[in-house]
Protein backbone atom coordinates (compact mmCIF):
# COMPACT_ATOMS: atom_id res chain seq x y z
CA MET A 1 22.17 -13.11 -68.27
CA THR A 2 23.11 -14.68 -71.61
CA VAL A 3 25.44 -17.68 -71.38
CA THR A 4 27.62 -18.61 -74.35
CA HIS A 5 28.01 -22.16 -75.62
CA ASP A 6 31.52 -22.45 -74.21
CA GLU A 7 30.41 -21.05 -70.84
CA ALA A 8 27.52 -23.49 -70.73
CA LEU A 9 29.84 -26.43 -71.43
CA LYS A 10 32.18 -25.20 -68.70
CA LEU A 11 29.33 -24.99 -66.19
CA LEU A 12 28.04 -28.43 -67.11
CA GLY A 13 31.55 -29.80 -66.62
CA ASP A 14 31.54 -28.63 -62.98
CA GLN A 15 29.84 -31.22 -60.77
CA ASP A 16 29.46 -28.82 -57.86
CA TRP A 17 27.63 -26.35 -60.11
CA ARG A 18 25.42 -29.13 -61.47
CA LEU A 19 24.48 -30.33 -58.00
CA ARG A 20 23.50 -26.82 -56.93
CA ASN A 21 21.65 -25.80 -60.09
CA LEU A 22 20.15 -28.77 -61.94
CA TYR A 23 18.42 -30.91 -59.33
CA LYS A 24 15.12 -30.64 -57.49
CA ILE A 25 14.08 -32.33 -54.24
CA LYS A 26 11.08 -32.33 -51.94
CA ASP A 27 11.71 -30.50 -48.68
CA LYS A 28 10.33 -31.54 -45.28
CA GLN A 29 7.07 -29.74 -46.06
CA GLY A 30 6.68 -31.60 -49.36
CA MET A 31 7.48 -28.51 -51.47
CA ILE A 32 9.57 -28.84 -54.64
CA VAL A 33 12.78 -26.84 -54.13
CA ASP A 34 16.26 -26.58 -55.64
CA PHE A 35 18.74 -28.96 -54.06
CA SER A 36 21.25 -27.02 -51.98
CA PRO A 37 23.78 -28.98 -49.90
CA ASN A 38 23.57 -28.45 -46.14
CA TRP A 39 26.53 -28.26 -43.76
CA ALA A 40 26.92 -32.05 -43.38
CA GLN A 41 26.59 -32.68 -47.11
CA ILE A 42 29.17 -29.99 -47.85
CA GLU A 43 31.67 -31.71 -45.55
CA LEU A 44 31.17 -34.95 -47.48
CA LYS A 45 32.31 -33.30 -50.74
CA LYS A 46 35.83 -34.57 -50.03
CA PRO A 47 35.25 -38.15 -48.91
CA HIS A 48 37.63 -41.05 -48.39
CA TYR A 49 37.26 -44.32 -50.34
CA LEU A 50 35.51 -46.16 -47.49
CA ASN A 51 33.33 -43.95 -45.31
CA ILE A 52 31.25 -44.79 -42.26
CA ILE A 53 28.91 -42.13 -40.94
CA LEU A 54 27.49 -42.07 -37.41
CA LYS A 55 24.93 -39.32 -37.23
CA ALA A 56 21.88 -37.63 -35.82
CA ARG A 57 18.54 -37.89 -37.58
CA GLN A 58 17.39 -35.93 -40.63
CA LEU A 59 20.68 -34.72 -42.07
CA GLY A 60 19.86 -35.77 -45.64
CA ILE A 61 22.88 -38.02 -46.17
CA THR A 62 20.93 -40.51 -48.29
CA THR A 63 19.35 -37.70 -50.31
CA TYR A 64 22.79 -36.23 -50.99
CA HIS A 65 24.19 -39.52 -52.25
CA ALA A 66 21.09 -40.19 -54.36
CA ILE A 67 21.68 -36.87 -56.16
CA LEU A 68 25.45 -37.35 -56.32
CA PHE A 69 25.18 -40.88 -57.73
CA LEU A 70 22.53 -39.85 -60.27
CA ASP A 71 24.69 -36.97 -61.46
CA THR A 72 27.74 -39.25 -61.75
CA CYS A 73 25.74 -41.74 -63.81
CA LEU A 74 24.40 -39.05 -66.15
CA PHE A 75 27.71 -37.36 -66.88
CA ASN A 76 29.99 -40.41 -67.01
CA HIS A 77 29.95 -43.57 -69.12
CA ASN A 78 29.43 -47.09 -67.72
CA VAL A 79 29.11 -46.20 -64.04
CA ASN A 80 27.42 -48.77 -61.79
CA CYS A 81 26.10 -47.42 -58.52
CA ALA A 82 23.65 -48.59 -55.87
CA ILE A 83 21.89 -47.66 -52.65
CA VAL A 84 21.08 -50.46 -50.18
CA ALA A 85 18.17 -49.82 -47.81
CA ASP A 86 16.95 -51.72 -44.73
CA SER A 87 13.57 -52.76 -46.21
CA LYS A 88 11.73 -53.00 -49.54
CA PRO A 89 9.30 -50.14 -48.74
CA ILE A 90 12.21 -47.85 -47.83
CA ALA A 91 14.14 -48.89 -50.95
CA ARG A 92 11.09 -48.12 -53.10
CA GLU A 93 10.62 -44.76 -51.36
CA ILE A 94 14.27 -43.79 -51.94
CA PHE A 95 14.08 -44.77 -55.60
CA ILE A 96 10.78 -42.98 -56.36
CA ASP A 97 11.06 -39.91 -54.10
CA LYS A 98 14.77 -39.22 -54.42
CA VAL A 99 16.31 -40.82 -57.53
CA LYS A 100 13.45 -40.91 -60.04
CA PHE A 101 11.99 -37.61 -58.79
CA ALA A 102 15.34 -35.86 -59.27
CA TYR A 103 15.72 -37.31 -62.78
CA ASP A 104 12.15 -36.50 -63.85
CA ASN A 105 12.58 -32.87 -62.74
CA LEU A 106 15.85 -32.27 -64.58
CA PRO A 107 15.86 -29.77 -67.45
CA GLN A 108 14.69 -31.49 -70.63
CA PHE A 109 18.00 -30.96 -72.42
CA VAL A 110 19.83 -32.94 -69.70
CA ARG A 111 17.42 -35.86 -69.99
CA ASP A 112 17.75 -35.70 -73.78
CA MET A 113 21.54 -35.89 -73.42
CA CYS A 114 21.28 -39.08 -71.36
CA PRO A 115 17.87 -40.73 -71.55
CA ALA A 116 16.79 -43.50 -69.18
CA HIS A 117 16.29 -46.54 -71.45
CA ARG A 118 14.95 -48.77 -68.69
CA ASP A 119 13.14 -47.30 -65.73
CA ASN A 120 11.37 -49.51 -63.17
CA VAL A 121 10.71 -49.46 -59.42
CA HIS A 122 14.31 -50.20 -58.41
CA GLU A 123 16.62 -49.57 -61.38
CA MET A 124 17.45 -46.95 -64.00
CA ARG A 125 19.62 -47.77 -67.03
CA PHE A 126 20.91 -44.85 -69.05
CA GLY A 127 21.92 -44.41 -72.67
CA ASN A 128 25.60 -44.00 -71.76
CA GLY A 129 25.76 -47.47 -70.17
CA SER A 130 25.46 -46.30 -66.56
CA VAL A 131 23.14 -48.09 -64.10
CA PHE A 132 21.60 -46.91 -60.80
CA ARG A 133 19.98 -49.50 -58.51
CA VAL A 134 18.17 -49.24 -55.17
CA ALA A 135 17.66 -52.54 -53.34
CA THR A 136 17.81 -54.32 -49.98
CA SER A 137 20.83 -56.45 -50.96
CA LEU A 138 23.17 -56.87 -53.90
CA ARG A 139 25.30 -59.73 -55.11
CA GLY A 140 27.25 -60.06 -58.34
CA GLY A 141 28.56 -57.43 -60.70
CA THR A 142 30.93 -54.58 -59.96
CA LEU A 143 30.07 -51.24 -58.38
CA GLN A 144 31.90 -47.93 -58.46
CA LEU A 145 29.60 -46.16 -55.98
CA LEU A 146 27.73 -47.74 -53.04
CA HIS A 147 25.66 -46.19 -50.27
CA ILE A 148 24.17 -48.30 -47.43
CA THR A 149 21.57 -46.56 -45.30
CA GLU A 150 20.57 -47.39 -41.70
CA PHE A 151 23.02 -50.27 -41.59
CA ALA A 152 22.92 -50.55 -37.78
CA LYS A 153 19.17 -51.18 -37.99
CA ILE A 154 19.82 -53.99 -40.48
CA CYS A 155 22.50 -55.47 -38.21
CA GLN A 156 20.10 -55.42 -35.27
CA GLU A 157 16.93 -56.69 -36.89
CA ASN A 158 18.31 -59.03 -39.53
CA PRO A 159 21.91 -60.16 -38.89
CA SER A 160 21.77 -62.64 -41.78
CA LYS A 161 20.91 -59.82 -44.20
CA ALA A 162 23.75 -57.73 -42.72
CA ASN A 163 26.12 -60.63 -43.36
CA GLU A 164 24.83 -60.87 -46.94
CA ILE A 165 25.43 -57.14 -47.50
CA VAL A 166 28.97 -57.41 -46.17
CA SER A 167 29.80 -60.51 -48.23
CA GLY A 168 27.85 -59.41 -51.32
CA ALA A 169 27.47 -55.66 -51.81
CA LEU A 170 30.75 -54.62 -50.16
CA ASN A 171 32.68 -57.20 -52.13
CA ALA A 172 31.18 -55.81 -55.35
CA VAL A 173 33.15 -52.59 -54.82
CA GLN A 174 36.79 -52.76 -55.81
CA ALA A 175 39.54 -51.10 -53.76
CA GLY A 176 39.79 -47.41 -54.59
CA GLN A 177 36.08 -47.00 -55.39
CA PHE A 178 33.52 -45.23 -53.18
CA VAL A 179 31.49 -46.71 -50.30
CA CYS A 180 29.43 -44.88 -47.72
CA ILE A 181 27.69 -46.60 -44.80
CA GLU A 182 25.49 -44.33 -42.70
CA SER A 183 23.27 -44.97 -39.71
CA THR A 184 22.17 -43.97 -36.27
CA ALA A 185 23.53 -46.39 -33.68
CA ARG A 186 21.77 -49.59 -32.56
CA GLY A 187 23.75 -51.27 -29.81
CA ARG A 188 27.38 -52.11 -29.19
CA GLU A 189 27.62 -55.19 -31.39
CA GLY A 190 27.39 -56.08 -35.07
CA HIS A 191 29.07 -54.96 -38.28
CA PHE A 192 28.20 -51.28 -37.96
CA PHE A 193 29.52 -50.98 -34.41
CA ASN A 194 32.68 -52.91 -35.27
CA LEU A 195 33.40 -50.74 -38.33
CA CYS A 196 32.88 -47.56 -36.29
CA LYS A 197 35.16 -48.89 -33.57
CA GLU A 198 37.84 -49.79 -36.12
CA ALA A 199 37.59 -46.39 -37.82
CA GLN A 200 37.67 -44.59 -34.45
CA ALA A 201 40.87 -46.43 -33.51
CA LEU A 202 42.55 -45.33 -36.76
CA GLN A 203 41.38 -41.77 -36.20
CA ASP A 204 42.67 -41.72 -32.62
CA ALA A 205 46.03 -43.04 -33.80
CA SER A 206 46.22 -40.29 -36.46
CA LYS A 207 47.19 -42.89 -39.06
CA GLU A 208 47.13 -42.10 -42.75
CA LEU A 209 44.23 -44.02 -44.24
CA GLY A 210 44.71 -46.45 -47.10
CA LYS A 211 42.21 -47.62 -49.71
CA LEU A 212 40.98 -50.44 -47.46
CA ASP A 213 40.72 -48.35 -44.27
CA TRP A 214 37.42 -46.90 -43.07
CA LYS A 215 37.09 -43.21 -42.25
CA LEU A 216 34.70 -42.28 -39.44
CA TRP A 217 32.45 -39.27 -39.87
CA PHE A 218 30.37 -38.13 -36.89
CA PHE A 219 27.60 -35.57 -37.31
CA PRO A 220 26.08 -34.65 -33.91
CA TRP A 221 22.73 -32.96 -33.44
CA TRP A 222 24.24 -29.78 -31.96
CA ARG A 223 25.97 -28.89 -35.25
CA HIS A 224 22.63 -28.72 -37.08
CA PRO A 225 21.53 -25.06 -37.34
CA ASP A 226 17.85 -26.03 -37.38
CA TYR A 227 17.95 -27.73 -33.99
CA VAL A 228 17.11 -24.62 -31.98
CA ILE A 229 13.94 -23.05 -30.56
CA ASP A 230 13.22 -19.89 -28.61
CA SER A 231 14.35 -20.59 -25.06
CA LYS A 232 11.76 -18.27 -23.55
CA ASN A 233 9.49 -20.14 -21.12
CA VAL A 234 11.38 -23.44 -21.60
CA LEU A 235 12.33 -24.94 -18.24
CA ILE A 236 15.41 -27.18 -18.34
CA SER A 237 15.09 -30.34 -16.22
CA LYS A 238 17.69 -31.15 -13.57
CA ASP A 239 18.84 -34.22 -15.52
CA ASN A 240 19.34 -32.26 -18.74
CA ASP A 241 21.01 -29.39 -16.89
CA LYS A 242 23.50 -31.90 -15.46
CA TYR A 243 23.91 -33.43 -18.91
CA PHE A 244 24.74 -30.03 -20.47
CA VAL A 245 27.38 -29.46 -17.78
CA GLU A 246 28.93 -32.84 -18.67
CA LEU A 247 29.00 -31.80 -22.34
CA GLU A 248 30.77 -28.55 -21.41
CA SER A 249 33.48 -30.59 -19.66
CA LYS A 250 34.02 -32.30 -23.02
CA GLY A 251 34.28 -28.97 -24.86
CA ILE A 252 30.72 -28.97 -26.25
CA ILE A 253 29.21 -25.57 -25.44
CA LEU A 254 25.51 -25.16 -26.20
CA ASN A 255 23.58 -21.92 -26.38
CA THR A 256 20.25 -21.46 -24.61
CA ASP A 257 18.18 -22.03 -27.78
CA GLN A 258 19.97 -25.36 -28.42
CA LYS A 259 19.35 -26.43 -24.84
CA ALA A 260 15.69 -25.51 -25.18
CA TRP A 261 15.38 -27.59 -28.37
CA TYR A 262 17.05 -30.58 -26.69
CA GLN A 263 14.79 -30.26 -23.66
CA LYS A 264 11.60 -30.28 -25.75
CA LYS A 265 12.81 -33.00 -28.11
CA SER A 266 13.86 -35.26 -25.24
CA LEU A 267 10.34 -35.12 -23.79
CA THR A 268 9.13 -36.80 -26.99
CA MET A 269 12.06 -39.14 -27.62
CA GLY A 270 12.55 -40.27 -24.02
CA GLU A 271 15.14 -43.02 -23.66
CA TYR A 272 15.85 -42.96 -27.43
CA MET A 273 17.03 -39.34 -27.46
CA LYS A 274 20.73 -40.12 -27.27
CA ARG A 275 20.45 -42.81 -29.94
CA GLU A 276 18.60 -40.62 -32.44
CA PHE A 277 20.32 -37.33 -31.56
CA PRO A 278 23.75 -38.14 -30.08
CA SER A 279 26.17 -35.50 -28.86
CA THR A 280 29.23 -37.79 -28.95
CA PRO A 281 30.01 -41.10 -30.69
CA GLU A 282 30.31 -42.92 -27.36
CA GLU A 283 26.89 -41.69 -26.27
CA ALA A 284 25.25 -42.98 -29.44
CA PHE A 285 26.27 -46.56 -28.70
CA GLU A 286 25.47 -46.45 -24.99
CA SER A 287 21.87 -45.34 -25.31
CA ALA A 288 18.81 -47.55 -24.90
CA ASN A 289 17.86 -49.66 -27.89
CA GLU A 290 14.50 -50.89 -29.07
CA GLY A 291 14.26 -54.67 -29.01
CA PHE A 292 17.12 -55.15 -26.53
CA TYR A 293 16.02 -56.40 -23.12
CA PHE A 294 18.77 -54.93 -20.95
CA ALA A 295 20.50 -52.21 -23.02
CA LYS A 296 18.97 -49.40 -20.96
CA GLN A 297 20.07 -50.96 -17.69
CA ILE A 298 23.64 -51.57 -18.89
CA SER A 299 23.81 -47.99 -20.16
CA GLN A 300 22.75 -46.83 -16.69
CA ALA A 301 25.39 -49.09 -15.12
CA ARG A 302 28.05 -47.35 -17.20
CA HIS A 303 26.68 -43.96 -16.24
CA ASP A 304 26.72 -44.95 -12.54
CA LYS A 305 30.28 -46.29 -12.91
CA ARG A 306 29.13 -49.76 -11.86
CA ILE A 307 31.27 -51.27 -14.62
CA CYS A 308 34.62 -50.95 -12.91
CA TYR A 309 37.46 -52.87 -11.28
CA LEU A 310 36.07 -55.39 -8.78
CA PRO A 311 38.47 -57.39 -6.60
CA TYR A 312 37.53 -60.79 -5.18
CA ASP A 313 36.27 -60.42 -1.62
CA GLU A 314 37.24 -63.59 0.24
CA HIS A 315 34.81 -62.74 3.04
CA ALA A 316 31.78 -62.46 0.73
CA LYS A 317 29.67 -65.43 -0.35
CA THR A 318 30.52 -66.51 -3.89
CA TYR A 319 28.27 -68.24 -6.40
CA SER A 320 28.22 -69.15 -10.07
CA SER A 321 25.28 -69.41 -12.48
CA TRP A 322 25.44 -71.34 -15.74
CA ASP A 323 23.77 -71.76 -19.08
CA ILE A 324 24.36 -74.96 -21.02
CA GLY A 325 22.95 -74.43 -24.48
CA ILE A 326 22.68 -75.79 -27.99
CA GLY A 327 25.85 -77.40 -29.34
CA ASP A 328 27.39 -77.78 -25.87
CA SER A 329 27.84 -74.02 -25.55
CA CYS A 330 28.35 -73.03 -21.94
CA ALA A 331 28.49 -69.68 -20.14
CA ILE A 332 29.39 -69.10 -16.47
CA TRP A 333 28.98 -65.97 -14.36
CA VAL A 334 30.81 -65.71 -11.02
CA TRP A 335 29.19 -63.30 -8.57
CA GLN A 336 29.34 -62.31 -4.93
CA LEU A 337 26.89 -60.84 -2.46
CA VAL A 338 28.55 -57.76 -0.97
CA GLY A 339 26.08 -56.08 1.34
CA LYS A 340 23.12 -55.09 -0.81
CA GLU A 341 25.22 -55.17 -3.95
CA ILE A 342 25.82 -58.05 -6.36
CA HIS A 343 29.36 -58.09 -7.72
CA CYS A 344 29.95 -59.98 -10.98
CA ILE A 345 33.67 -60.61 -10.69
CA ASP A 346 34.28 -63.09 -13.52
CA TYR A 347 32.79 -64.58 -16.67
CA TYR A 348 33.73 -67.50 -18.89
CA GLU A 349 32.23 -68.87 -22.09
CA ASN A 350 33.22 -71.67 -24.44
CA SER A 351 31.70 -74.35 -26.66
CA ASP A 352 32.25 -77.96 -27.68
CA GLU A 353 34.04 -78.72 -24.40
CA ALA A 354 33.31 -81.38 -21.77
CA LEU A 355 32.15 -80.43 -18.29
CA SER A 356 35.64 -81.22 -16.97
CA HIS A 357 36.98 -78.29 -18.98
CA TYR A 358 34.77 -75.83 -17.08
CA VAL A 359 35.51 -77.48 -13.74
CA ARG A 360 39.23 -77.03 -14.41
CA TRP A 361 38.63 -73.36 -15.21
CA LEU A 362 36.80 -72.89 -11.90
CA LYS A 363 39.60 -74.61 -9.98
CA THR A 364 42.24 -72.28 -11.47
CA LYS A 365 40.49 -69.44 -9.65
CA PRO A 366 40.95 -68.51 -5.97
CA TYR A 367 37.18 -68.42 -5.44
CA ILE A 368 35.52 -70.46 -2.68
CA PHE A 369 32.00 -71.22 -3.88
CA GLU A 370 28.87 -71.58 -1.79
CA LYS A 371 26.94 -73.09 -4.68
CA HIS A 372 26.74 -73.41 -8.46
CA PHE A 373 23.33 -72.75 -10.03
CA LEU A 374 22.57 -74.82 -13.13
CA PRO A 375 19.58 -74.47 -15.50
CA HIS A 376 16.71 -76.94 -15.43
CA ASP A 377 18.00 -78.86 -18.47
CA ALA A 378 21.10 -79.84 -16.47
CA ALA A 379 18.86 -82.36 -14.66
CA ALA A 380 17.97 -84.20 -17.88
CA ARG A 381 19.55 -87.65 -17.95
CA GLU A 382 21.42 -88.97 -20.98
CA LYS A 383 20.14 -92.22 -22.50
CA GLY A 384 23.54 -93.88 -22.58
CA SER A 385 24.97 -93.20 -19.13
CA GLY A 386 21.73 -92.50 -17.32
CA LYS A 387 23.44 -89.52 -15.71
CA SER A 388 22.60 -85.86 -15.98
CA PHE A 389 24.91 -82.88 -16.40
CA ALA A 390 24.19 -82.08 -12.75
CA ASP A 391 25.11 -85.62 -11.65
CA ILE A 392 28.45 -85.41 -13.41
CA ALA A 393 29.08 -81.94 -11.93
CA ARG A 394 28.48 -83.32 -8.42
CA GLU A 395 30.85 -86.20 -9.12
CA GLN A 396 33.53 -83.67 -10.02
CA GLY A 397 33.13 -81.88 -6.72
CA LEU A 398 30.67 -79.09 -7.47
CA LYS A 399 27.89 -78.28 -5.03
CA VAL A 400 25.07 -77.62 -7.48
CA ASP A 401 21.48 -76.47 -7.33
CA ILE A 402 18.98 -76.70 -10.18
CA VAL A 403 17.10 -73.50 -11.12
CA PRO A 404 13.43 -74.46 -11.65
CA ARG A 405 12.00 -74.13 -15.13
CA GLN A 406 9.66 -71.17 -15.61
CA SER A 407 6.50 -71.38 -17.69
CA ASN A 408 7.48 -68.17 -19.51
CA GLU A 409 10.96 -66.77 -20.13
CA ILE A 410 9.67 -63.25 -19.47
CA PHE A 411 9.65 -64.09 -15.74
CA GLY A 412 13.42 -64.49 -15.66
CA ILE A 413 13.99 -61.50 -17.93
CA GLU A 414 11.92 -59.25 -15.67
CA CYS A 415 13.63 -60.71 -12.62
CA LEU A 416 17.08 -59.71 -13.93
CA ARG A 417 15.82 -56.38 -15.25
CA ASN A 418 14.51 -55.46 -11.78
CA MET A 419 17.70 -56.56 -10.06
CA LEU A 420 20.24 -54.99 -12.41
CA PRO A 421 20.42 -51.72 -10.40
CA ARG A 422 22.15 -53.80 -7.70
CA PHE A 423 24.71 -55.27 -10.09
CA PHE A 424 28.35 -54.22 -10.45
CA PHE A 425 30.58 -55.75 -13.13
CA ASP A 426 34.33 -56.12 -13.42
CA TYR A 427 35.11 -54.22 -16.61
CA SER A 428 37.92 -56.55 -17.69
CA LYS A 429 36.99 -60.10 -16.65
CA CYS A 430 33.32 -59.62 -17.52
CA GLU A 431 33.73 -57.68 -20.78
CA LYS A 432 32.36 -60.44 -23.01
CA GLY A 433 29.52 -61.19 -20.62
CA ILE A 434 28.51 -57.54 -20.42
CA LYS A 435 28.29 -57.43 -24.22
CA ALA A 436 26.07 -60.51 -24.13
CA ILE A 437 23.71 -58.94 -21.59
CA GLU A 438 23.58 -55.68 -23.53
CA ASN A 439 22.87 -57.38 -26.85
CA PHE A 440 20.31 -59.95 -25.69
CA ARG A 441 17.21 -59.10 -27.69
CA LYS A 442 13.79 -60.00 -28.95
CA GLU A 443 13.33 -61.98 -32.13
CA TRP A 444 12.44 -59.85 -35.16
CA ASN A 445 9.50 -60.86 -37.35
CA GLU A 446 10.59 -59.60 -40.77
CA LYS A 447 7.27 -60.50 -42.40
CA LEU A 448 5.16 -58.47 -39.95
CA GLY A 449 7.83 -55.83 -39.29
CA CYS A 450 7.68 -56.14 -35.49
CA TYR A 451 9.30 -57.96 -32.58
CA ARG A 452 8.05 -61.32 -31.36
CA GLU A 453 7.51 -61.80 -27.64
CA ARG A 454 10.40 -64.22 -27.35
CA SER A 455 14.16 -63.92 -27.30
CA TYR A 456 16.38 -64.31 -30.35
CA HIS A 457 18.92 -67.13 -30.11
CA ASP A 458 22.37 -65.93 -31.09
CA TRP A 459 25.84 -65.48 -29.59
CA ALA A 460 24.44 -63.27 -26.78
CA SER A 461 21.87 -65.78 -25.55
CA HIS A 462 24.07 -67.99 -23.37
CA GLY A 463 25.74 -65.19 -21.43
CA ALA A 464 22.42 -63.44 -20.87
CA LYS A 465 20.54 -66.56 -19.79
CA ALA A 466 23.32 -67.57 -17.41
CA LEU A 467 22.87 -64.29 -15.54
CA ILE A 468 19.07 -64.58 -15.74
CA TYR A 469 19.38 -67.92 -13.93
CA GLY A 470 21.58 -66.12 -11.43
CA ALA A 471 18.89 -63.49 -10.86
CA GLU A 472 16.22 -66.18 -10.36
CA SER A 473 18.49 -67.88 -7.83
CA LEU A 474 19.15 -64.58 -6.10
CA GLN A 475 15.45 -64.02 -5.74
CA ARG A 476 15.25 -67.25 -3.77
CA LEU A 477 18.38 -66.42 -1.76
CA ILE A 478 17.58 -62.87 -0.71
CA GLY A 479 13.85 -62.55 -1.50
CA GLY A 480 12.09 -59.80 -3.38
CA SER A 481 12.23 -58.96 -7.06
CA GLY A 482 14.52 -55.97 -7.03
CA MET A 483 14.79 -52.39 -5.82
CA SER A 484 12.76 -49.33 -6.54
CA ALA A 485 14.54 -46.27 -7.92
CA GLU A 486 14.14 -44.55 -4.54
CA GLU A 487 15.65 -47.53 -2.69
CA TRP A 488 18.56 -47.65 -5.11
CA ASN A 489 19.34 -43.92 -4.82
CA ARG A 490 19.07 -44.07 -1.05
CA MET A 491 21.40 -47.06 -0.92
CA ARG A 492 23.91 -45.37 -3.23
CA LYS A 493 24.03 -42.28 -0.99
CA GLU A 494 24.48 -44.47 2.08
CA TRP A 495 27.19 -46.70 0.67
CA LEU A 496 29.19 -44.52 -1.74
């Protein structure tokens, strides 16, 4: 078909036509194919100003924005856009395999219209004044288009870099311009989780979004047409069969081929299935997380409804366990032994306060304590007074016991991990403490790209360690290191 000059100009003036007809990508098999937006990418054609995307794996959101940003740069003057990735190798891969590849495979006449004057491993500058960067962080300058990929992973593994992205890259985009943050979930804390929570609240309230409000997009695995296999000879496990029934109660109806795909995929993904391929937003944040010591156990506690309302039982023995950390930070768990269960009925945390402050907090409560368990460093005596934290606590009326120091922190971590199936938590009074337990994690070695075998000291440390000391004390009180899965299930049937 012959196209006239005017028709050609009209086609080139249509961005949707350009995206579907000018650009090449590599498909999952490494073949060079025409770019054709999939279902998720099509939905993103009408975005908000600030967009946060919680999604399943392999939906091509970064690829879509790489093509979209490149096209915007080529056909508009003085556009500054950027993609921020979680690591330098990933940033380089995005630039070479998505941005540069798409540009190099454009028709020659398009490249002649807008040549790349400077082209290196992370930046392209075009003849019309537009600039496209791919980096791990950005500071300075002004951006019209910004895409941040796998932001939850950045928040988990490198909180300081996440803070830099928020203060640097996000501040480089003026109100009314375009930002997209996309990621699979990584825990219930950090910038990504907080932005999703904020956007979800606006969505639930059906409020009209302004230029500074975030819009939540959720793309679940079950909407992807490729996530199906022939269900013949695929046996669905009891756990997954129960899970599919739960989804149906939420209005998510799966066909047999989708269920078969999920069954097979979950055998490979294991505990990470719900994180990588969530069915609902809530599920994505409650799944197990790599690098977090207790995320799987807290997720199971939610599933078992062990995070609930817990009244104080005046007939049960009551204890507290403490952590006194760097900078006078202090965390206190209050727990009771109720039969074979351990009920965490209260939690308190503060910093830069004297011991008397925490004693006053305890005395405002109706609890009658058997004992207060303090960490080993509470026995260290100050040079000036010659008294220890424990000495002062005893003087103020607390019956204290010192938890012995362990040669390796893994002992206490494993102790709590084994005991957590016995734990119940008051959902309201212990909310902050539960978050601390769930977000207590290993330290990330950015240079080697792996986790160190030691915990990372941050806001979650004190709450987690206070309960770890509680678990170590419990081991001495009741003996044993925990319950087997069979013991736990048998006990649940007997008691509930």
